[in-house]
Amino acid sequence: MSDTYVPRTLRGQVELDARHRCGYCLTPQRIIGRPMVIDHIKPEMKGGETVRENLWLACRRWKEQS
């Protein structure tokens, strides 16, 4: 997870796009029971931008493995 700031409105759009599911395991946030983090699909250090099309949700379990 990067420390890049993601505006609240963008985070809300990403949550709706993801249907409140982890992009890795597809588990719904209500089952995980903890807030998910925003993750870059193409990492920032590889040129990925902080834009809606390059963001998804990640549960902490999967994010810690990536």
N, C-alpha and C. Protein backbone atom coordinates (compact mmCIF):
# COMPACT_ATOMS: atom_id res chain seq x y z
N MET A 1 0.85 -1.16 0.00
CA MET A 1 0.00 0.00 0.00
C MET A 1 0.89 1.22 0.00
N SER A 2 0.59 2.14 -0.87
CA SER A 2 1.36 3.37 -0.91
C SER A 2 0.76 4.37 0.06
N ASP A 3 1.50 5.43 0.29
CA ASP A 3 1.01 6.50 1.15
C ASP A 3 0.34 7.60 0.35
N THR A 4 0.09 7.35 -0.92
CA THR A 4 -0.54 8.34 -1.77
C THR A 4 -1.94 8.65 -1.26
N TYR A 5 -2.23 9.93 -1.17
CA TYR A 5 -3.56 10.37 -0.74
C TYR A 5 -4.57 10.07 -1.83
N VAL A 6 -5.67 9.46 -1.46
CA VAL A 6 -6.78 9.20 -2.38
C VAL A 6 -7.98 9.98 -1.86
N PRO A 7 -8.44 10.98 -2.61
CA PRO A 7 -9.58 11.77 -2.14
C PRO A 7 -10.81 10.90 -1.83
N ARG A 8 -11.59 11.36 -0.89
CA ARG A 8 -12.77 10.63 -0.43
C ARG A 8 -13.72 10.29 -1.59
N THR A 9 -13.93 11.24 -2.50
CA THR A 9 -14.85 10.98 -3.62
C THR A 9 -14.30 9.89 -4.53
N LEU A 10 -12.99 9.90 -4.77
CA LEU A 10 -12.38 8.87 -5.61
C LEU A 10 -12.46 7.51 -4.91
N ARG A 11 -12.19 7.49 -3.63
CA ARG A 11 -12.30 6.24 -2.87
C ARG A 11 -13.72 5.69 -2.97
N GLY A 12 -14.71 6.55 -2.84
CA GLY A 12 -16.11 6.12 -2.95
C GLY A 12 -16.41 5.53 -4.31
N GLN A 13 -15.87 6.13 -5.37
CA GLN A 13 -16.08 5.61 -6.72
C GLN A 13 -15.44 4.23 -6.86
N VAL A 14 -14.24 4.08 -6.32
CA VAL A 14 -13.54 2.79 -6.39
C VAL A 14 -14.32 1.72 -5.62
N GLU A 15 -14.84 2.08 -4.46
CA GLU A 15 -15.64 1.13 -3.67
C GLU A 15 -16.88 0.68 -4.44
N LEU A 16 -17.55 1.61 -5.10
CA LEU A 16 -18.73 1.25 -5.89
C LEU A 16 -18.34 0.39 -7.09
N ASP A 17 -17.26 0.77 -7.78
CA ASP A 17 -16.80 -0.02 -8.93
C ASP A 17 -16.50 -1.46 -8.51
N ALA A 18 -15.88 -1.61 -7.34
CA ALA A 18 -15.48 -2.93 -6.84
C ALA A 18 -16.64 -3.67 -6.16
N ARG A 19 -17.77 -2.98 -6.03
CA ARG A 19 -18.92 -3.56 -5.34
C ARG A 19 -18.56 -3.97 -3.91
N HIS A 20 -17.65 -3.18 -3.31
CA HIS A 20 -17.21 -3.39 -1.93
C HIS A 20 -16.60 -4.78 -1.74
N ARG A 21 -15.86 -5.24 -2.76
CA ARG A 21 -15.19 -6.54 -2.70
C ARG A 21 -13.69 -6.36 -2.91
N CYS A 22 -12.92 -7.24 -2.33
CA CYS A 22 -11.47 -7.24 -2.52
C CYS A 22 -11.16 -7.59 -3.97
N GLY A 23 -10.27 -6.85 -4.59
CA GLY A 23 -9.89 -7.11 -5.97
C GLY A 23 -9.10 -8.40 -6.15
N TYR A 24 -8.50 -8.91 -5.08
CA TYR A 24 -7.72 -10.14 -5.16
C TYR A 24 -8.58 -11.38 -4.93
N CYS A 25 -9.30 -11.41 -3.80
CA CYS A 25 -10.04 -12.63 -3.44
C CYS A 25 -11.55 -12.51 -3.65
N LEU A 26 -12.03 -11.31 -3.98
CA LEU A 26 -13.44 -11.02 -4.25
C LEU A 26 -14.36 -11.19 -3.05
N THR A 27 -13.79 -11.27 -1.86
CA THR A 27 -14.60 -11.38 -0.66
C THR A 27 -15.23 -10.03 -0.34
N PRO A 28 -16.53 -10.00 -0.04
CA PRO A 28 -17.18 -8.73 0.31
C PRO A 28 -16.65 -8.16 1.63
N GLN A 29 -16.61 -6.85 1.69
CA GLN A 29 -16.12 -6.18 2.89
C GLN A 29 -16.95 -6.54 4.12
N ARG A 30 -18.24 -6.75 3.96
CA ARG A 30 -19.09 -7.08 5.11
C ARG A 30 -18.70 -8.43 5.73
N ILE A 31 -18.12 -9.33 4.93
CA ILE A 31 -17.67 -10.62 5.47
C ILE A 31 -16.30 -10.47 6.12
N ILE A 32 -15.44 -9.67 5.52
CA ILE A 32 -14.11 -9.44 6.08
C ILE A 32 -14.22 -8.72 7.42
N GLY A 33 -15.15 -7.78 7.50
CA GLY A 33 -15.39 -7.10 8.76
C GLY A 33 -14.39 -6.02 9.13
N ARG A 34 -13.52 -5.68 8.22
CA ARG A 34 -12.53 -4.62 8.45
C ARG A 34 -12.49 -3.73 7.22
N PRO A 35 -12.10 -2.48 7.39
CA PRO A 35 -11.99 -1.61 6.22
C PRO A 35 -10.95 -2.14 5.24
N MET A 36 -11.22 -1.96 3.97
CA MET A 36 -10.27 -2.34 2.94
C MET A 36 -9.41 -1.14 2.59
N VAL A 37 -8.29 -1.42 1.95
CA VAL A 37 -7.39 -0.35 1.53
C VAL A 37 -7.50 -0.18 0.03
N ILE A 38 -7.14 1.00 -0.43
CA ILE A 38 -7.07 1.26 -1.87
C ILE A 38 -5.71 0.78 -2.35
N ASP A 39 -5.69 0.06 -3.45
CA ASP A 39 -4.45 -0.46 -4.01
C ASP A 39 -4.37 -0.08 -5.48
N HIS A 40 -3.16 0.13 -5.95
CA HIS A 40 -2.93 0.42 -7.37
C HIS A 40 -2.83 -0.91 -8.12
N ILE A 41 -3.54 -1.03 -9.22
CA ILE A 41 -3.45 -2.24 -10.05
C ILE A 41 -2.06 -2.29 -10.68
N LYS A 42 -1.66 -1.21 -11.33
CA LYS A 42 -0.29 -1.06 -11.81
C LYS A 42 0.42 -0.21 -10.76
N PRO A 43 1.40 -0.76 -10.06
CA PRO A 43 2.04 -0.03 -8.96
C PRO A 43 2.59 1.33 -9.38
N GLU A 44 2.56 2.25 -8.44
CA GLU A 44 3.08 3.59 -8.71
C GLU A 44 4.54 3.54 -9.14
N MET A 45 5.32 2.67 -8.51
CA MET A 45 6.75 2.63 -8.84
C MET A 45 7.01 2.04 -10.23
N LYS A 46 5.97 1.53 -10.86
CA LYS A 46 6.09 1.07 -12.24
C LYS A 46 5.34 1.99 -13.18
N GLY A 47 5.03 3.20 -12.70
CA GLY A 47 4.37 4.18 -13.54
C GLY A 47 2.86 4.25 -13.42
N GLY A 48 2.29 3.49 -12.52
CA GLY A 48 0.84 3.52 -12.33
C GLY A 48 0.38 4.83 -11.71
N GLU A 49 -0.73 5.32 -12.18
CA GLU A 49 -1.25 6.59 -11.69
C GLU A 49 -2.36 6.37 -10.66
N THR A 50 -2.60 7.39 -9.87
CA THR A 50 -3.68 7.35 -8.89
C THR A 50 -4.94 7.89 -9.56
N VAL A 51 -5.50 7.06 -10.42
CA VAL A 51 -6.73 7.38 -11.15
C VAL A 51 -7.70 6.21 -10.98
N ARG A 52 -8.96 6.50 -11.14
CA ARG A 52 -10.02 5.50 -10.92
C ARG A 52 -9.75 4.18 -11.65
N GLU A 53 -9.31 4.26 -12.88
CA GLU A 53 -9.11 3.05 -13.69
C GLU A 53 -7.94 2.19 -13.20
N ASN A 54 -7.09 2.74 -12.35
CA ASN A 54 -5.92 2.01 -11.87
C ASN A 54 -6.01 1.68 -10.38
N LEU A 55 -7.19 1.80 -9.81
CA LEU A 55 -7.35 1.54 -8.38
C LEU A 55 -8.40 0.46 -8.14
N TRP A 56 -8.18 -0.31 -7.09
CA TRP A 56 -9.18 -1.25 -6.64
C TRP A 56 -9.05 -1.43 -5.14
N LEU A 57 -9.96 -2.17 -4.56
CA LEU A 57 -9.93 -2.43 -3.12
C LEU A 57 -9.12 -3.68 -2.85
N ALA A 58 -8.49 -3.70 -1.68
CA ALA A 58 -7.75 -4.88 -1.27
C ALA A 58 -7.98 -5.11 0.22
N CYS A 59 -8.27 -6.35 0.57
CA CYS A 59 -8.34 -6.66 2.00
C CYS A 59 -6.90 -6.74 2.50
N ARG A 60 -6.72 -6.51 3.77
CA ARG A 60 -5.36 -6.45 4.31
C ARG A 60 -4.61 -7.77 4.16
N ARG A 61 -5.31 -8.88 4.19
CA ARG A 61 -4.66 -10.18 4.03
C ARG A 61 -3.93 -10.27 2.70
N TRP A 62 -4.62 -9.89 1.62
CA TRP A 62 -4.02 -9.97 0.29
C TRP A 62 -3.01 -8.87 0.07
N LYS A 63 -3.28 -7.70 0.61
CA LYS A 63 -2.36 -6.58 0.41
C LYS A 63 -1.02 -6.87 1.07
N GLU A 64 -1.03 -7.52 2.20
CA GLU A 64 0.22 -7.86 2.89
C GLU A 64 1.03 -8.87 2.10
N GLN A 65 0.39 -9.67 1.26
CA GLN A 65 1.09 -10.66 0.44
C GLN A 65 1.65 -10.08 -0.85
N SER A 66 1.09 -8.96 -1.29
CA SER A 66 1.52 -8.40 -2.59
C SER A 66 2.76 -7.55 -2.45
